[in-house]
Amino acid sequence: MGAILAALIAVSGALIVGYITNFVAEDFRRFRDGTAVAASLAGELSSHFKAVPALREGLQGRIKRIEDKAERFPFPEIDTPTDPLFDSIVDKLGLLESEMVEDMVYTYQQIRAFRVSVKIVGQGHAVMTDVVLLGQLRLALHSIDLAVERGVPLLDALRNRTRKTYEAPKPWLWYR
């Protein structure tokens, strides 16, 4: 009877240790994947934001020319750019903190609003009145400013997330 009890205790202990190890391993995998998501998105966003000064300058120059009644420069018609990385890992955003996810989605939607405004200008500038064209250009400028306003602090948060080290959960905290 004592041998059976000892074996039962050993098997129970092994099962408990295996169960806890499985949770810690999954927690570590999620942490590692979240770090990769944060680093990837920080890279994509920082590359977008590098272009903002030139975009702002170009938009402001076009706005000024229209306001001054100068000859319009032609606007190229372009396909709407995409965000391949963001679009491919949307289902992994849950690996990040909820505040980051909110800021991430907001920032990318402002970038898309900018792109849509630029596409509208490219497609219809020849038939748009100055008032409509100015409105679209100002909307594009406003959208990119909103993206930067919320996106730059997000970049810092993403970079901080990539520098964090893993801390295993404390077993006594699991039972709250």
N, C-alpha and C. Protein backbone atom coordinates (compact mmCIF):
# COMPACT_ATOMS: atom_id res chain seq x y z
N MET A 1 0.82 -1.20 0.00
CA MET A 1 0.00 0.00 0.00
C MET A 1 0.87 1.26 0.00
N GLY A 2 1.95 1.23 0.79
CA GLY A 2 2.84 2.37 0.87
C GLY A 2 3.54 2.64 -0.46
N ALA A 3 3.88 1.56 -1.19
CA ALA A 3 4.54 1.72 -2.49
C ALA A 3 3.58 2.35 -3.50
N ILE A 4 2.33 1.94 -3.44
CA ILE A 4 1.33 2.50 -4.36
C ILE A 4 1.10 3.98 -4.05
N LEU A 5 1.04 4.31 -2.77
CA LEU A 5 0.85 5.71 -2.37
C LEU A 5 2.05 6.56 -2.80
N ALA A 6 3.25 6.04 -2.64
CA ALA A 6 4.45 6.77 -3.05
C ALA A 6 4.45 6.97 -4.57
N ALA A 7 4.07 5.94 -5.31
CA ALA A 7 4.02 6.04 -6.77
C ALA A 7 2.96 7.06 -7.19
N LEU A 8 1.82 7.04 -6.51
CA LEU A 8 0.73 7.98 -6.81
C LEU A 8 1.17 9.42 -6.54
N ILE A 9 1.89 9.62 -5.45
CA ILE A 9 2.40 10.96 -5.13
C ILE A 9 3.43 11.39 -6.17
N ALA A 10 4.30 10.48 -6.59
CA ALA A 10 5.32 10.82 -7.60
C ALA A 10 4.67 11.17 -8.93
N VAL A 11 3.67 10.39 -9.34
CA VAL A 11 2.99 10.67 -10.61
C VAL A 11 2.23 11.99 -10.52
N SER A 12 1.56 12.22 -9.38
CA SER A 12 0.84 13.48 -9.20
C SER A 12 1.79 14.66 -9.25
N GLY A 13 2.93 14.53 -8.59
CA GLY A 13 3.93 15.60 -8.61
C GLY A 13 4.44 15.86 -10.01
N ALA A 14 4.69 14.79 -10.77
CA ALA A 14 5.17 14.94 -12.14
C ALA A 14 4.11 15.63 -13.01
N LEU A 15 2.85 15.25 -12.82
CA LEU A 15 1.77 15.89 -13.58
C LEU A 15 1.65 17.37 -13.24
N ILE A 16 1.75 17.69 -11.98
CA ILE A 16 1.64 19.10 -11.56
C ILE A 16 2.80 19.92 -12.13
N VAL A 17 4.00 19.39 -12.04
CA VAL A 17 5.17 20.09 -12.58
C VAL A 17 5.04 20.24 -14.09
N GLY A 18 4.61 19.20 -14.77
CA GLY A 18 4.41 19.28 -16.21
C GLY A 18 3.35 20.30 -16.59
N TYR A 19 2.29 20.34 -15.82
CA TYR A 19 1.19 21.29 -16.06
C TYR A 19 1.69 22.72 -15.91
N ILE A 20 2.42 22.99 -14.83
CA ILE A 20 2.95 24.34 -14.59
C ILE A 20 3.98 24.70 -15.65
N THR A 21 4.85 23.76 -16.00
CA THR A 21 5.86 24.01 -17.02
C THR A 21 5.21 24.34 -18.36
N ASN A 22 4.13 23.67 -18.69
CA ASN A 22 3.42 23.94 -19.94
C ASN A 22 2.89 25.37 -19.95
N PHE A 23 2.33 25.83 -18.84
CA PHE A 23 1.83 27.21 -18.76
C PHE A 23 2.96 28.22 -18.91
N VAL A 24 4.07 27.97 -18.24
CA VAL A 24 5.21 28.89 -18.32
C VAL A 24 5.78 28.89 -19.74
N ALA A 25 5.88 27.72 -20.37
CA ALA A 25 6.41 27.66 -21.74
C ALA A 25 5.49 28.42 -22.70
N GLU A 26 4.18 28.26 -22.55
CA GLU A 26 3.24 28.99 -23.41
C GLU A 26 3.32 30.49 -23.15
N ASP A 27 3.46 30.86 -21.89
CA ASP A 27 3.59 32.28 -21.55
C ASP A 27 4.86 32.85 -22.18
N PHE A 28 5.95 32.11 -22.14
CA PHE A 28 7.19 32.56 -22.76
C PHE A 28 7.04 32.69 -24.26
N ARG A 29 6.39 31.70 -24.92
CA ARG A 29 6.16 31.79 -26.37
C ARG A 29 5.37 33.03 -26.73
N ARG A 30 4.33 33.31 -25.97
CA ARG A 30 3.50 34.50 -26.23
C ARG A 30 4.34 35.77 -26.03
N PHE A 31 5.18 35.79 -24.99
CA PHE A 31 6.03 36.95 -24.75
C PHE A 31 7.00 37.16 -25.92
N ARG A 32 7.63 36.08 -26.35
CA ARG A 32 8.58 36.15 -27.47
C ARG A 32 7.89 36.59 -28.75
N ASP A 33 6.72 36.04 -29.03
CA ASP A 33 5.97 36.43 -30.22
C ASP A 33 5.52 37.89 -30.14
N GLY A 34 5.12 38.32 -28.95
CA GLY A 34 4.73 39.73 -28.76
C GLY A 34 5.90 40.67 -28.99
N THR A 35 7.08 40.25 -28.58
CA THR A 35 8.28 41.05 -28.81
C THR A 35 8.56 41.17 -30.30
N ALA A 36 8.41 40.08 -31.02
CA ALA A 36 8.63 40.11 -32.47
C ALA A 36 7.59 40.99 -33.17
N VAL A 37 6.34 40.92 -32.73
CA VAL A 37 5.29 41.76 -33.30
C VAL A 37 5.61 43.23 -33.04
N ALA A 38 6.00 43.55 -31.81
CA ALA A 38 6.33 44.94 -31.47
C ALA A 38 7.50 45.45 -32.31
N ALA A 39 8.52 44.65 -32.45
CA ALA A 39 9.69 45.07 -33.24
C ALA A 39 9.33 45.26 -34.71
N SER A 40 8.53 44.35 -35.24
CA SER A 40 8.13 44.45 -36.65
C SER A 40 7.31 45.70 -36.91
N LEU A 41 6.34 45.93 -36.07
CA LEU A 41 5.48 47.10 -36.26
C LEU A 41 6.24 48.41 -36.03
N ALA A 42 7.18 48.40 -35.09
CA ALA A 42 8.01 49.59 -34.88
C ALA A 42 8.83 49.88 -36.13
N GLY A 43 9.33 48.85 -36.77
CA GLY A 43 10.09 49.05 -38.00
C GLY A 43 9.24 49.59 -39.12
N GLU A 44 8.04 49.03 -39.29
CA GLU A 44 7.17 49.50 -40.37
C GLU A 44 6.72 50.93 -40.12
N LEU A 45 6.31 51.23 -38.89
CA LEU A 45 5.86 52.59 -38.59
C LEU A 45 6.99 53.60 -38.70
N SER A 46 8.17 53.25 -38.22
CA SER A 46 9.27 54.22 -38.29
C SER A 46 9.64 54.51 -39.74
N SER A 47 9.52 53.51 -40.60
CA SER A 47 9.80 53.78 -42.02
C SER A 47 8.74 54.71 -42.61
N HIS A 48 7.49 54.56 -42.20
CA HIS A 48 6.44 55.48 -42.64
C HIS A 48 6.74 56.90 -42.17
N PHE A 49 7.10 57.01 -40.91
CA PHE A 49 7.28 58.34 -40.33
C PHE A 49 8.51 59.06 -40.86
N LYS A 50 9.48 58.33 -41.42
CA LYS A 50 10.64 58.98 -42.03
C LYS A 50 10.22 59.83 -43.23
N ALA A 51 9.14 59.44 -43.89
CA ALA A 51 8.69 60.16 -45.09
C ALA A 51 7.81 61.36 -44.76
N VAL A 52 7.37 61.49 -43.52
CA VAL A 52 6.41 62.54 -43.17
C VAL A 52 6.92 63.95 -43.46
N PRO A 53 8.13 64.32 -43.12
CA PRO A 53 8.56 65.70 -43.42
C PRO A 53 8.45 66.04 -44.91
N ALA A 54 8.86 65.13 -45.76
CA ALA A 54 8.77 65.38 -47.21
C ALA A 54 7.31 65.43 -47.66
N LEU A 55 6.48 64.56 -47.12
CA LEU A 55 5.05 64.58 -47.46
C LEU A 55 4.40 65.89 -47.04
N ARG A 56 4.70 66.32 -45.83
CA ARG A 56 4.14 67.58 -45.33
C ARG A 56 4.58 68.75 -46.21
N GLU A 57 5.85 68.78 -46.52
CA GLU A 57 6.39 69.87 -47.35
C GLU A 57 5.71 69.88 -48.72
N GLY A 58 5.55 68.72 -49.31
CA GLY A 58 4.90 68.63 -50.62
C GLY A 58 3.44 69.07 -50.56
N LEU A 59 2.72 68.63 -49.56
CA LEU A 59 1.32 69.02 -49.42
C LEU A 59 1.18 70.52 -49.17
N GLN A 60 2.01 71.04 -48.28
CA GLN A 60 1.94 72.47 -47.97
C GLN A 60 2.29 73.31 -49.19
N GLY A 61 3.26 72.85 -49.99
CA GLY A 61 3.61 73.57 -51.21
C GLY A 61 2.46 73.58 -52.20
N ARG A 62 1.78 72.47 -52.35
CA ARG A 62 0.64 72.42 -53.27
C ARG A 62 -0.52 73.27 -52.76
N ILE A 63 -0.74 73.23 -51.45
CA ILE A 63 -1.80 74.07 -50.87
C ILE A 63 -1.50 75.53 -51.13
N LYS A 64 -0.25 75.93 -50.91
CA LYS A 64 0.13 77.34 -51.11
C LYS A 64 -0.05 77.75 -52.58
N ARG A 65 0.34 76.90 -53.51
CA ARG A 65 0.18 77.23 -54.93
C ARG A 65 -1.29 77.42 -55.29
N ILE A 66 -2.15 76.60 -54.74
CA ILE A 66 -3.58 76.72 -55.05
C ILE A 66 -4.13 78.00 -54.42
N GLU A 67 -3.73 78.27 -53.17
CA GLU A 67 -4.19 79.49 -52.51
C GLU A 67 -3.70 80.75 -53.24
N ASP A 68 -2.50 80.69 -53.80
CA ASP A 68 -1.93 81.83 -54.54
C ASP A 68 -2.42 81.89 -55.98
N LYS A 69 -3.30 80.98 -56.34
CA LYS A 69 -3.85 80.92 -57.70
C LYS A 69 -2.76 80.68 -58.75
N ALA A 70 -1.70 80.00 -58.34
CA ALA A 70 -0.61 79.66 -59.27
C ALA A 70 -1.03 78.45 -60.10
N GLU A 71 -0.28 78.19 -61.15
CA GLU A 71 -0.57 77.03 -61.99
C GLU A 71 -0.44 75.76 -61.17
N ARG A 72 -1.38 74.89 -61.32
CA ARG A 72 -1.35 73.62 -60.58
C ARG A 72 -0.31 72.68 -61.17
N PHE A 73 0.39 72.00 -60.28
CA PHE A 73 1.24 70.91 -60.72
C PHE A 73 0.34 69.70 -60.95
N PRO A 74 0.68 68.87 -61.90
CA PRO A 74 -0.13 67.66 -62.06
C PRO A 74 0.05 66.73 -60.85
N PHE A 75 -1.00 66.05 -60.48
CA PHE A 75 -0.96 65.09 -59.39
C PHE A 75 -0.92 63.70 -60.00
N PRO A 76 0.06 62.91 -59.64
CA PRO A 76 0.10 61.57 -60.21
C PRO A 76 -1.00 60.70 -59.60
N GLU A 77 -1.57 59.85 -60.43
CA GLU A 77 -2.54 58.89 -59.93
C GLU A 77 -1.78 57.63 -59.56
N ILE A 78 -1.93 57.21 -58.31
CA ILE A 78 -1.19 56.05 -57.83
C ILE A 78 -2.16 55.03 -57.24
N ASP A 79 -1.71 53.79 -57.19
CA ASP A 79 -2.46 52.77 -56.46
C ASP A 79 -2.27 53.04 -54.98
N THR A 80 -3.29 52.74 -54.21
CA THR A 80 -3.19 52.96 -52.78
C THR A 80 -2.15 52.01 -52.19
N PRO A 81 -1.12 52.55 -51.52
CA PRO A 81 -0.12 51.67 -50.90
C PRO A 81 -0.76 50.85 -49.77
N THR A 82 -0.11 49.78 -49.44
CA THR A 82 -0.59 48.92 -48.36
C THR A 82 0.45 48.83 -47.25
N ASP A 83 0.05 48.20 -46.19
CA ASP A 83 0.95 47.94 -45.07
C ASP A 83 1.05 46.43 -44.92
N PRO A 84 1.91 45.80 -45.70
CA PRO A 84 1.91 44.33 -45.72
C PRO A 84 2.16 43.70 -44.35
N LEU A 85 3.03 44.29 -43.57
CA LEU A 85 3.32 43.70 -42.27
C LEU A 85 2.12 43.82 -41.34
N PHE A 86 1.60 45.03 -41.19
CA PHE A 86 0.45 45.23 -40.31
C PHE A 86 -0.72 44.34 -40.74
N ASP A 87 -1.01 44.33 -42.03
CA ASP A 87 -2.13 43.54 -42.53
C ASP A 87 -1.94 42.05 -42.27
N SER A 88 -0.71 41.58 -42.27
CA SER A 88 -0.46 40.15 -42.09
C SER A 88 -0.44 39.72 -40.63
N ILE A 89 -0.30 40.66 -39.69
CA ILE A 89 -0.22 40.24 -38.28
C ILE A 89 -1.32 40.85 -37.42
N VAL A 90 -2.38 41.29 -38.03
CA VAL A 90 -3.49 41.84 -37.25
C VAL A 90 -3.98 40.83 -36.22
N ASP A 91 -3.99 39.55 -36.58
CA ASP A 91 -4.48 38.54 -35.64
C ASP A 91 -3.52 38.32 -34.47
N LYS A 92 -2.33 38.89 -34.52
CA LYS A 92 -1.37 38.73 -33.43
C LYS A 92 -1.29 39.97 -32.53
N LEU A 93 -2.12 40.97 -32.79
CA LEU A 93 -2.07 42.18 -31.98
C LEU A 93 -2.41 41.92 -30.52
N GLY A 94 -3.14 40.86 -30.26
CA GLY A 94 -3.48 40.50 -28.89
C GLY A 94 -2.26 40.14 -28.04
N LEU A 95 -1.12 39.98 -28.67
CA LEU A 95 0.11 39.70 -27.93
C LEU A 95 0.70 40.97 -27.31
N LEU A 96 0.15 42.12 -27.69
CA LEU A 96 0.63 43.40 -27.18
C LEU A 96 -0.35 43.93 -26.12
N GLU A 97 0.09 44.92 -25.38
CA GLU A 97 -0.76 45.54 -24.39
C GLU A 97 -1.92 46.27 -25.08
N SER A 98 -3.07 46.31 -24.44
CA SER A 98 -4.28 46.85 -25.09
C SER A 98 -4.13 48.31 -25.49
N GLU A 99 -3.41 49.12 -24.70
CA GLU A 99 -3.22 50.52 -25.07
C GLU A 99 -2.43 50.63 -26.37
N MET A 100 -1.43 49.77 -26.53
CA MET A 100 -0.64 49.77 -27.77
C MET A 100 -1.50 49.39 -28.96
N VAL A 101 -2.36 48.41 -28.77
CA VAL A 101 -3.22 47.96 -29.87
C VAL A 101 -4.15 49.08 -30.30
N GLU A 102 -4.74 49.77 -29.34
CA GLU A 102 -5.63 50.89 -29.67
C GLU A 102 -4.88 51.96 -30.46
N ASP A 103 -3.71 52.34 -29.97
CA ASP A 103 -2.91 53.36 -30.66
C ASP A 103 -2.45 52.87 -32.03
N MET A 104 -2.14 51.58 -32.14
CA MET A 104 -1.69 51.00 -33.40
C MET A 104 -2.79 51.10 -34.46
N VAL A 105 -3.98 50.66 -34.09
CA VAL A 105 -5.09 50.67 -35.05
C VAL A 105 -5.43 52.11 -35.43
N TYR A 106 -5.46 53.01 -34.46
CA TYR A 106 -5.75 54.42 -34.74
C TYR A 106 -4.72 55.00 -35.71
N THR A 107 -3.46 54.75 -35.44
CA THR A 107 -2.38 55.29 -36.28
C THR A 107 -2.48 54.77 -37.71
N TYR A 108 -2.66 53.48 -37.85
CA TYR A 108 -2.77 52.91 -39.20
C TYR A 108 -4.02 53.40 -39.93
N GLN A 109 -5.10 53.62 -39.22
CA GLN A 109 -6.30 54.14 -39.88
C GLN A 109 -6.09 55.58 -40.34
N GLN A 110 -5.33 56.37 -39.60
CA GLN A 110 -5.02 57.74 -40.04
C GLN A 110 -4.10 57.71 -41.27
N ILE A 111 -3.18 56.76 -41.28
CA ILE A 111 -2.32 56.61 -42.46
C ILE A 111 -3.17 56.24 -43.67
N ARG A 112 -4.13 55.36 -43.46
CA ARG A 112 -5.01 54.97 -44.58
C ARG A 112 -5.89 56.14 -45.01
N ALA A 113 -6.34 56.94 -44.07
CA ALA A 113 -7.14 58.13 -44.43
C ALA A 113 -6.30 59.08 -45.28
N PHE A 114 -5.03 59.25 -44.92
CA PHE A 114 -4.11 60.06 -45.73
C PHE A 114 -4.02 59.51 -47.14
N ARG A 115 -3.83 58.21 -47.25
CA ARG A 115 -3.67 57.58 -48.56
C ARG A 115 -4.94 57.72 -49.41
N VAL A 116 -6.08 57.57 -48.79
CA VAL A 116 -7.34 57.71 -49.53
C VAL A 116 -7.49 59.13 -50.05
N SER A 117 -7.17 60.12 -49.21
CA SER A 117 -7.25 61.52 -49.66
C SER A 117 -6.32 61.78 -50.83
N VAL A 118 -5.11 61.25 -50.76
CA VAL A 118 -4.15 61.44 -51.84
C VAL A 118 -4.64 60.73 -53.11
N LYS A 119 -5.22 59.56 -52.95
CA LYS A 119 -5.75 58.84 -54.11
C LYS A 119 -6.90 59.61 -54.76
N ILE A 120 -7.79 60.19 -53.93
CA ILE A 120 -8.90 60.99 -54.45
C ILE A 120 -8.37 62.18 -55.24
N VAL A 121 -7.35 62.83 -54.70
CA VAL A 121 -6.74 63.97 -55.39
C VAL A 121 -6.13 63.51 -56.71
N GLY A 122 -5.40 62.39 -56.69
CA GLY A 122 -4.77 61.89 -57.91
C GLY A 122 -5.78 61.54 -58.99
N GLN A 123 -6.91 60.99 -58.58
CA GLN A 123 -7.91 60.59 -59.57
C GLN A 123 -8.75 61.76 -60.09
N GLY A 124 -9.00 62.76 -59.24
CA GLY A 124 -9.96 63.78 -59.66
C GLY A 124 -9.47 65.21 -59.69
N HIS A 125 -8.19 65.44 -59.52
CA HIS A 125 -7.67 66.80 -59.41
C HIS A 125 -8.00 67.65 -60.64
N ALA A 126 -8.05 67.04 -61.80
CA ALA A 126 -8.27 67.81 -63.04
C ALA A 126 -9.66 68.43 -63.08
N VAL A 127 -10.63 67.81 -62.43
CA VAL A 127 -12.00 68.33 -62.47
C VAL A 127 -12.44 68.96 -61.15
N MET A 128 -11.57 68.92 -60.14
CA MET A 128 -11.93 69.48 -58.84
C MET A 128 -11.80 71.00 -58.84
N THR A 129 -12.69 71.63 -58.12
CA THR A 129 -12.54 73.07 -57.90
C THR A 129 -11.41 73.27 -56.90
N ASP A 130 -10.93 74.49 -56.83
CA ASP A 130 -9.87 74.78 -55.86
C ASP A 130 -10.32 74.49 -54.44
N VAL A 131 -11.56 74.80 -54.13
CA VAL A 131 -12.08 74.58 -52.77
C VAL A 131 -12.06 73.10 -52.42
N VAL A 132 -12.53 72.26 -53.33
CA VAL A 132 -12.57 70.82 -53.08
C VAL A 132 -11.15 70.26 -52.99
N LEU A 133 -10.30 70.69 -53.90
CA LEU A 133 -8.92 70.22 -53.90
C LEU A 133 -8.20 70.63 -52.61
N LEU A 134 -8.39 71.87 -52.20
CA LEU A 134 -7.78 72.33 -50.94
C LEU A 134 -8.30 71.51 -49.77
N GLY A 135 -9.59 71.22 -49.78
CA GLY A 135 -10.17 70.42 -48.70
C GLY A 135 -9.54 69.04 -48.62
N GLN A 136 -9.36 68.39 -49.75
CA GLN A 136 -8.75 67.06 -49.77
C GLN A 136 -7.28 67.10 -49.34
N LEU A 137 -6.55 68.11 -49.81
CA LEU A 137 -5.14 68.22 -49.42
C LEU A 137 -5.00 68.52 -47.93
N ARG A 138 -5.87 69.37 -47.42
CA ARG A 138 -5.83 69.67 -45.97
C ARG A 138 -6.23 68.46 -45.16
N LEU A 139 -7.18 67.69 -45.66
CA LEU A 139 -7.58 66.46 -44.97
C LEU A 139 -6.42 65.47 -44.95
N ALA A 140 -5.70 65.35 -46.04
CA ALA A 140 -4.53 64.47 -46.09
C ALA A 140 -3.48 64.93 -45.08
N LEU A 141 -3.23 66.22 -45.05
CA LEU A 141 -2.26 66.78 -44.11
C LEU A 141 -2.70 66.54 -42.66
N HIS A 142 -3.97 66.77 -42.39
CA HIS A 142 -4.50 66.57 -41.04
C HIS A 142 -4.39 65.09 -40.64
N SER A 143 -4.70 64.19 -41.55
CA SER A 143 -4.64 62.76 -41.23
C SER A 143 -3.22 62.32 -40.91
N ILE A 144 -2.26 62.81 -41.67
CA ILE A 144 -0.88 62.40 -41.40
C ILE A 144 -0.39 63.02 -40.09
N ASP A 145 -0.85 64.23 -39.78
CA ASP A 145 -0.48 64.84 -38.49
C ASP A 145 -1.07 64.05 -37.32
N LEU A 146 -2.31 63.59 -37.46
CA LEU A 146 -2.92 62.77 -36.41
C LEU A 146 -2.18 61.45 -36.24
N ALA A 147 -1.76 60.86 -37.34
CA ALA A 147 -1.01 59.60 -37.27
C ALA A 147 0.31 59.81 -36.53
N VAL A 148 0.99 60.90 -36.82
CA VAL A 148 2.27 61.17 -36.16
C VAL A 148 2.06 61.49 -34.68
N GLU A 149 1.03 62.27 -34.41
CA GLU A 149 0.76 62.68 -33.02
C GLU A 149 0.59 61.48 -32.09
N ARG A 150 -0.11 60.48 -32.57
CA ARG A 150 -0.34 59.31 -31.73
C ARG A 150 0.68 58.21 -32.01
N GLY A 151 1.26 58.23 -33.20
CA GLY A 151 2.17 57.17 -33.59
C GLY A 151 3.57 57.29 -33.03
N VAL A 152 4.06 58.50 -32.83
CA VAL A 152 5.43 58.66 -32.31
C VAL A 152 5.52 58.13 -30.87
N PRO A 153 4.59 58.49 -29.97
CA PRO A 153 4.65 57.86 -28.65
C PRO A 153 4.46 56.34 -28.71
N LEU A 154 3.67 55.88 -29.67
CA LEU A 154 3.49 54.44 -29.86
C LEU A 154 4.81 53.79 -30.23
N LEU A 155 5.58 54.43 -31.11
CA LEU A 155 6.89 53.89 -31.47
C LEU A 155 7.77 53.71 -30.24
N ASP A 156 7.76 54.69 -29.35
CA ASP A 156 8.53 54.57 -28.11
C ASP A 156 8.04 53.40 -27.27
N ALA A 157 6.72 53.25 -27.17
CA ALA A 157 6.16 52.14 -26.39
C ALA A 157 6.52 50.79 -27.02
N LEU A 158 6.47 50.70 -28.34
CA LEU A 158 6.83 49.45 -29.02
C LEU A 158 8.30 49.13 -28.81
N ARG A 159 9.14 50.14 -28.92
CA ARG A 159 10.58 49.90 -28.71
C ARG A 159 10.87 49.51 -27.26
N ASN A 160 10.15 50.12 -26.31
CA ASN A 160 10.31 49.72 -24.91
C ASN A 160 9.86 48.27 -24.72
N ARG A 161 8.81 47.89 -25.40
CA ARG A 161 8.31 46.51 -25.30
C ARG A 161 9.36 45.52 -25.80
N THR A 162 10.10 45.89 -26.83
CA THR A 162 11.11 44.98 -27.37
C THR A 162 12.32 44.85 -26.44
N ARG A 163 12.49 45.79 -25.55
CA ARG A 163 13.63 45.74 -24.61
C ARG A 163 13.30 45.02 -23.30
N LYS A 164 12.04 44.70 -23.10
CA LYS A 164 11.66 44.00 -21.87
C LYS A 164 12.24 42.60 -21.86
N THR A 165 12.53 42.12 -20.66
CA THR A 165 12.96 40.74 -20.51
C THR A 165 11.81 39.93 -19.94
N TYR A 166 11.83 38.65 -20.21
CA TYR A 166 10.75 37.78 -19.78
C TYR A 166 10.81 37.56 -18.28
N GLU A 167 9.65 37.64 -17.65
CA GLU A 167 9.51 37.30 -16.24
C GLU A 167 8.44 36.23 -16.14
N ALA A 168 8.83 35.08 -15.62
CA ALA A 168 7.88 33.98 -15.48
C ALA A 168 6.79 34.37 -14.49
N PRO A 169 5.56 33.92 -14.75
CA PRO A 169 4.48 34.23 -13.80
C PRO A 169 4.74 33.56 -12.46
N LYS A 170 4.31 34.20 -11.42
CA LYS A 170 4.46 33.65 -10.07
C LYS A 170 3.31 32.69 -9.80
N PRO A 171 3.61 31.45 -9.45
CA PRO A 171 2.54 30.46 -9.27
C PRO A 171 1.47 30.88 -8.27
N TRP A 172 1.86 31.59 -7.23
CA TRP A 172 0.87 31.97 -6.23
C TRP A 172 -0.07 33.07 -6.74
N LEU A 173 0.28 33.70 -7.83
CA LEU A 173 -0.60 34.72 -8.41
C LEU A 173 -1.67 34.11 -9.32
N TRP A 174 -1.49 32.84 -9.68
CA TRP A 174 -2.46 32.19 -10.57
C TRP A 174 -3.79 31.96 -9.89
N TYR A 175 -3.79 31.96 -8.57
CA TYR A 175 -5.00 31.58 -7.84
C TYR A 175 -5.73 32.76 -7.25
N ARG A 176 -5.62 33.92 -7.87
CA ARG A 176 -6.33 35.10 -7.36
C ARG A 176 -7.78 35.03 -7.69
